[in-house]
N, C-alpha and C. Protein backbone atom coordinates (compact mmCIF):
# COMPACT_ATOMS: atom_id res chain seq x y z
N MET A 1 0.73 -1.20 0.06
CA MET A 1 0.08 0.01 0.07
C MET A 1 0.93 1.20 0.09
N LEU A 2 0.54 2.31 -0.76
CA LEU A 2 1.19 3.47 -0.85
C LEU A 2 0.75 4.53 0.43
N LYS A 3 1.72 5.11 0.77
CA LYS A 3 1.14 6.10 1.87
C LYS A 3 1.70 7.41 1.52
N LEU A 4 0.96 8.51 1.76
CA LEU A 4 1.50 9.96 1.60
C LEU A 4 1.96 10.41 3.06
N ARG A 5 3.44 10.56 3.36
CA ARG A 5 3.79 10.82 4.69
C ARG A 5 4.87 11.67 4.69
N LEU A 6 5.42 12.09 5.81
CA LEU A 6 6.47 13.11 6.13
C LEU A 6 7.84 12.28 6.03
N ARG A 7 8.81 12.99 5.51
CA ARG A 7 10.12 12.49 5.60
C ARG A 7 11.02 13.63 6.29
N ARG A 8 11.81 13.36 7.25
CA ARG A 8 12.39 14.48 8.01
C ARG A 8 13.64 14.90 7.35
N THR A 9 13.94 16.11 7.16
CA THR A 9 15.06 16.66 6.64
C THR A 9 15.63 17.95 7.52
N GLY A 10 16.50 18.44 7.28
CA GLY A 10 17.03 19.64 8.16
C GLY A 10 18.22 19.26 9.18
N ALA A 11 18.62 20.11 9.88
CA ALA A 11 19.56 19.86 10.82
C ALA A 11 19.11 19.40 12.09
N LYS A 12 19.97 19.02 12.98
CA LYS A 12 19.55 18.65 14.36
C LYS A 12 18.66 19.80 15.07
N LYS A 13 17.69 19.53 15.74
CA LYS A 13 16.82 20.54 16.43
C LYS A 13 16.17 21.68 15.51
N ARG A 14 16.19 21.59 14.23
CA ARG A 14 15.73 22.38 13.21
C ARG A 14 15.12 21.57 12.03
N PRO A 15 14.03 20.90 12.38
CA PRO A 15 13.29 20.05 11.45
C PRO A 15 12.65 20.78 10.37
N SER A 16 12.73 20.22 9.24
CA SER A 16 11.78 20.62 8.01
C SER A 16 11.54 19.04 7.62
N TYR A 17 10.45 18.98 6.73
CA TYR A 17 9.92 17.72 6.25
C TYR A 17 9.49 17.90 4.69
N ARG A 18 9.82 16.77 3.89
CA ARG A 18 9.16 16.54 2.69
C ARG A 18 7.90 15.90 2.84
N ILE A 19 7.18 15.99 1.79
CA ILE A 19 5.69 15.17 1.85
C ILE A 19 5.97 14.37 0.48
N VAL A 20 6.05 12.93 0.97
CA VAL A 20 6.62 12.11 -0.08
C VAL A 20 5.30 10.92 -0.19
N VAL A 21 5.53 10.16 -1.26
CA VAL A 21 4.76 9.07 -1.51
C VAL A 21 5.70 7.89 -1.40
N ALA A 22 5.40 6.96 -0.38
CA ALA A 22 6.35 5.83 -0.09
C ALA A 22 5.38 4.62 0.14
N GLU A 23 6.23 3.42 -0.13
CA GLU A 23 5.58 2.07 0.23
C GLU A 23 5.26 2.15 1.69
N HIS A 24 4.28 1.70 2.38
CA HIS A 24 4.15 1.77 3.60
C HIS A 24 5.33 0.91 4.55
N SER A 25 5.89 -0.04 3.99
CA SER A 25 6.87 -0.65 4.71
C SER A 25 8.13 -0.21 4.49
N SER A 26 8.43 0.99 3.82
CA SER A 26 9.73 1.64 3.89
C SER A 26 9.92 2.19 5.07
N PRO A 27 11.26 2.44 5.48
CA PRO A 27 11.45 3.22 6.70
C PRO A 27 11.14 4.79 6.48
N ARG A 28 11.04 5.62 7.64
CA ARG A 28 10.50 6.99 7.56
C ARG A 28 11.20 7.74 6.58
N ASP A 29 12.70 7.60 6.53
CA ASP A 29 13.63 8.32 5.77
C ASP A 29 14.14 7.61 4.72
N GLY A 30 13.49 6.54 4.52
CA GLY A 30 14.07 5.62 3.45
C GLY A 30 13.60 5.93 2.01
N ARG A 31 13.41 4.81 1.29
CA ARG A 31 12.96 4.96 -0.25
C ARG A 31 11.76 5.31 -0.29
N PHE A 32 11.52 6.24 -1.26
CA PHE A 32 10.21 6.96 -1.63
C PHE A 32 10.09 6.92 -3.16
N ILE A 33 8.90 7.17 -3.64
CA ILE A 33 8.59 7.19 -4.93
C ILE A 33 8.67 8.64 -5.61
N GLU A 34 8.08 9.57 -4.92
CA GLU A 34 8.05 10.77 -5.39
C GLU A 34 7.85 12.05 -4.22
N ILE A 35 8.50 13.13 -4.45
CA ILE A 35 8.40 14.23 -3.43
C ILE A 35 7.10 15.05 -4.03
N ILE A 36 6.08 15.26 -3.26
CA ILE A 36 5.16 16.19 -3.81
C ILE A 36 4.69 17.35 -2.91
N GLY A 37 5.86 17.59 -1.97
CA GLY A 37 5.44 18.91 -1.45
C GLY A 37 6.52 18.98 -0.21
N HIS A 38 6.56 20.15 0.46
CA HIS A 38 7.26 20.25 1.98
C HIS A 38 6.59 20.96 2.97
N TYR A 39 7.17 20.81 4.12
CA TYR A 39 6.66 21.59 5.39
C TYR A 39 7.59 22.01 6.23
N ASP A 40 7.48 23.22 6.54
CA ASP A 40 8.33 23.66 7.50
C ASP A 40 7.66 24.34 8.81
N PRO A 41 7.67 23.54 9.77
CA PRO A 41 6.94 24.02 11.07
C PRO A 41 7.57 25.10 11.88
N LEU A 42 8.85 25.58 11.32
CA LEU A 42 9.48 26.42 12.44
C LEU A 42 9.08 27.98 11.82
N THR A 43 8.71 28.13 10.68
CA THR A 43 8.38 29.51 10.16
C THR A 43 6.88 29.89 10.90
N GLU A 44 6.62 31.16 11.01
CA GLU A 44 5.45 31.70 11.62
C GLU A 44 4.62 32.32 10.56
N PRO A 45 3.67 32.15 10.03
CA PRO A 45 2.98 30.62 10.29
C PRO A 45 3.70 29.35 9.48
N ALA A 46 3.44 28.42 9.90
CA ALA A 46 4.13 27.12 9.42
C ALA A 46 3.83 27.12 7.88
N THR A 47 4.90 26.90 7.04
CA THR A 47 4.86 26.82 5.64
C THR A 47 4.52 25.49 5.17
N VAL A 48 3.40 25.38 4.30
CA VAL A 48 3.15 24.00 3.59
C VAL A 48 2.97 24.23 2.24
N LYS A 49 3.65 23.70 1.34
CA LYS A 49 3.66 23.79 -0.08
C LYS A 49 3.52 22.46 -0.79
N VAL A 50 2.42 22.25 -1.34
CA VAL A 50 1.98 20.96 -2.03
C VAL A 50 1.85 21.14 -3.52
N ASN A 51 2.42 20.19 -4.43
CA ASN A 51 1.87 20.13 -5.69
C ASN A 51 0.62 19.55 -5.77
N GLU A 52 -0.55 20.09 -5.82
CA GLU A 52 -1.82 19.78 -5.80
C GLU A 52 -2.21 18.71 -6.91
N ASP A 53 -1.64 18.95 -8.08
CA ASP A 53 -2.07 18.14 -9.08
C ASP A 53 -1.53 16.54 -8.75
N ARG A 54 -0.24 16.68 -8.45
CA ARG A 54 0.37 15.15 -7.98
C ARG A 54 -0.24 14.63 -6.83
N ALA A 55 -0.70 15.45 -5.74
CA ALA A 55 -1.37 15.01 -4.69
C ALA A 55 -2.61 14.29 -5.16
N LYS A 56 -3.52 15.08 -5.69
CA LYS A 56 -4.53 14.57 -6.12
C LYS A 56 -4.64 13.40 -7.04
N HIS A 57 -3.51 13.14 -8.15
CA HIS A 57 -3.27 12.00 -8.72
C HIS A 57 -3.05 10.74 -7.54
N TRP A 58 -2.09 10.84 -6.92
CA TRP A 58 -1.79 9.85 -5.86
C TRP A 58 -2.99 9.52 -5.03
N LEU A 59 -3.75 10.37 -4.51
CA LEU A 59 -5.10 10.06 -4.02
C LEU A 59 -5.99 9.28 -4.71
N SER A 60 -6.17 9.55 -5.97
CA SER A 60 -6.92 8.91 -6.91
C SER A 60 -6.61 7.58 -7.03
N VAL A 61 -5.47 7.27 -6.92
CA VAL A 61 -4.94 5.81 -7.38
C VAL A 61 -4.85 5.01 -6.11
N GLY A 62 -5.18 5.64 -4.94
CA GLY A 62 -5.34 4.70 -3.73
C GLY A 62 -4.28 5.02 -2.60
N ALA A 63 -3.46 6.02 -2.91
CA ALA A 63 -2.60 6.17 -1.98
C ALA A 63 -3.25 6.71 -0.59
N GLN A 64 -2.77 6.39 0.58
CA GLN A 64 -3.50 6.64 1.83
C GLN A 64 -2.54 7.81 2.67
N PRO A 65 -3.22 9.03 3.15
CA PRO A 65 -2.28 9.98 3.70
C PRO A 65 -2.19 9.71 5.17
N THR A 66 -1.27 9.95 5.91
CA THR A 66 -1.22 9.73 7.24
C THR A 66 -2.06 10.80 7.90
N GLU A 67 -2.22 10.78 9.22
CA GLU A 67 -3.25 11.77 9.91
C GLU A 67 -2.63 13.16 9.67
N THR A 68 -1.21 13.21 9.94
CA THR A 68 -0.54 14.52 9.85
C THR A 68 -0.63 15.21 8.44
N VAL A 69 -0.29 14.31 7.34
CA VAL A 69 -0.33 14.64 6.17
C VAL A 69 -1.79 15.06 5.58
N ALA A 70 -2.82 14.44 6.09
CA ALA A 70 -4.12 14.56 5.72
C ALA A 70 -4.44 16.07 6.30
N GLY A 71 -4.07 16.45 7.44
CA GLY A 71 -4.11 17.88 7.91
C GLY A 71 -3.51 18.90 7.30
N LEU A 72 -2.34 18.44 6.73
CA LEU A 72 -1.45 19.45 6.02
C LEU A 72 -2.34 19.63 4.81
N LEU A 73 -2.78 18.64 4.12
CA LEU A 73 -3.30 18.61 2.80
C LEU A 73 -4.72 19.42 2.97
N LYS A 74 -5.39 19.38 3.97
CA LYS A 74 -6.56 20.06 4.30
C LYS A 74 -6.20 21.58 4.37
N ARG A 75 -5.27 21.89 5.02
CA ARG A 75 -4.66 23.40 5.23
C ARG A 75 -4.36 23.94 3.93
N ALA A 76 -3.84 22.85 2.94
CA ALA A 76 -3.35 23.55 1.64
C ALA A 76 -4.42 23.63 0.64
N GLY A 77 -5.68 22.95 1.07
CA GLY A 77 -6.72 23.09 0.20
C GLY A 77 -6.94 21.98 -0.71
N VAL A 78 -6.21 20.91 -0.77
CA VAL A 78 -6.09 19.73 -1.62
C VAL A 78 -7.11 18.95 -1.29
N ILE A 79 -7.50 18.36 0.05
CA ILE A 79 -8.64 17.73 0.40
C ILE A 79 -9.62 18.51 1.08
N ALA A 80 -10.81 18.51 0.91
CA ALA A 80 -11.96 19.40 1.45
C ALA A 80 -12.07 18.94 2.97
N ALA A 81 -12.14 19.91 3.77
CA ALA A 81 -12.40 19.81 5.13
C ALA A 81 -13.80 19.36 5.40
N ALA A 82 -14.11 18.44 6.39
CA ALA A 82 -15.28 17.81 6.83
C ALA A 82 -16.08 19.06 7.18
N PRO A 83 -17.53 19.18 6.92
CA PRO A 83 -18.34 20.27 7.63
C PRO A 83 -18.37 19.70 9.12
N ALA A 84 -18.43 20.69 9.99
CA ALA A 84 -18.62 20.56 11.31
C ALA A 84 -19.74 20.00 11.87
N ALA A 85 -21.11 20.10 11.00
CA ALA A 85 -22.25 19.34 11.67
C ALA A 85 -22.13 18.04 11.19
N GLU A 86 -21.45 17.46 10.00
CA GLU A 86 -21.09 16.06 9.50
C GLU A 86 -20.27 15.56 10.62
N ALA A 87 -19.32 16.10 11.30
CA ALA A 87 -18.54 15.53 11.94
C ALA A 87 -18.94 15.35 13.37
N ALA A 88 -19.89 16.11 13.74
CA ALA A 88 -20.67 15.83 14.99
C ALA A 88 -21.45 14.74 14.94
N THR A 89 -22.18 14.73 13.81
CA THR A 89 -23.18 13.38 13.81
C THR A 89 -22.38 12.05 13.76
N THR A 90 -21.19 11.96 13.15
CA THR A 90 -20.27 10.83 13.07
C THR A 90 -19.81 10.52 14.55
N ASP A 91 -19.50 11.60 15.31
CA ASP A 91 -18.95 11.39 16.59
C ASP A 91 -20.17 10.97 17.71
N ALA A 92 -21.44 11.12 17.42
CA ALA A 92 -22.67 10.92 18.08
C ALA A 92 -23.04 9.47 17.78
N SER A 93 -22.58 8.81 16.83
CA SER A 93 -22.88 7.59 16.45
C SER A 93 -22.26 6.32 17.12
C-alpha cells in the first residue's frame, strides 16, 4: 500500500519535512517514489507547499495519507475539510 507521509530533513533541532509518496513498509527516511511537497513547522505561520495535481493523482490511485499529512493537505486546500455538522453526527453515532 502507498502512503503519503512526512520525511524528516534539516539539521539537528531544526526539522523540516518533505511530503512524499512511499511504500508503507519503507522506513521513515528511506526509499520513496515521489516528493510532492514540503512542510516547515519553524516558520511563523508554518509553511506548507504541495503540488496539488500530483497529490490528487496519488490520492485517486489509492494512496492513503497519514493523519498529519491529511491535516496538511486540508490546510493547503487539496482535501476538502469535513463540515462541522457532519463531523458531530459521526461522533454521536
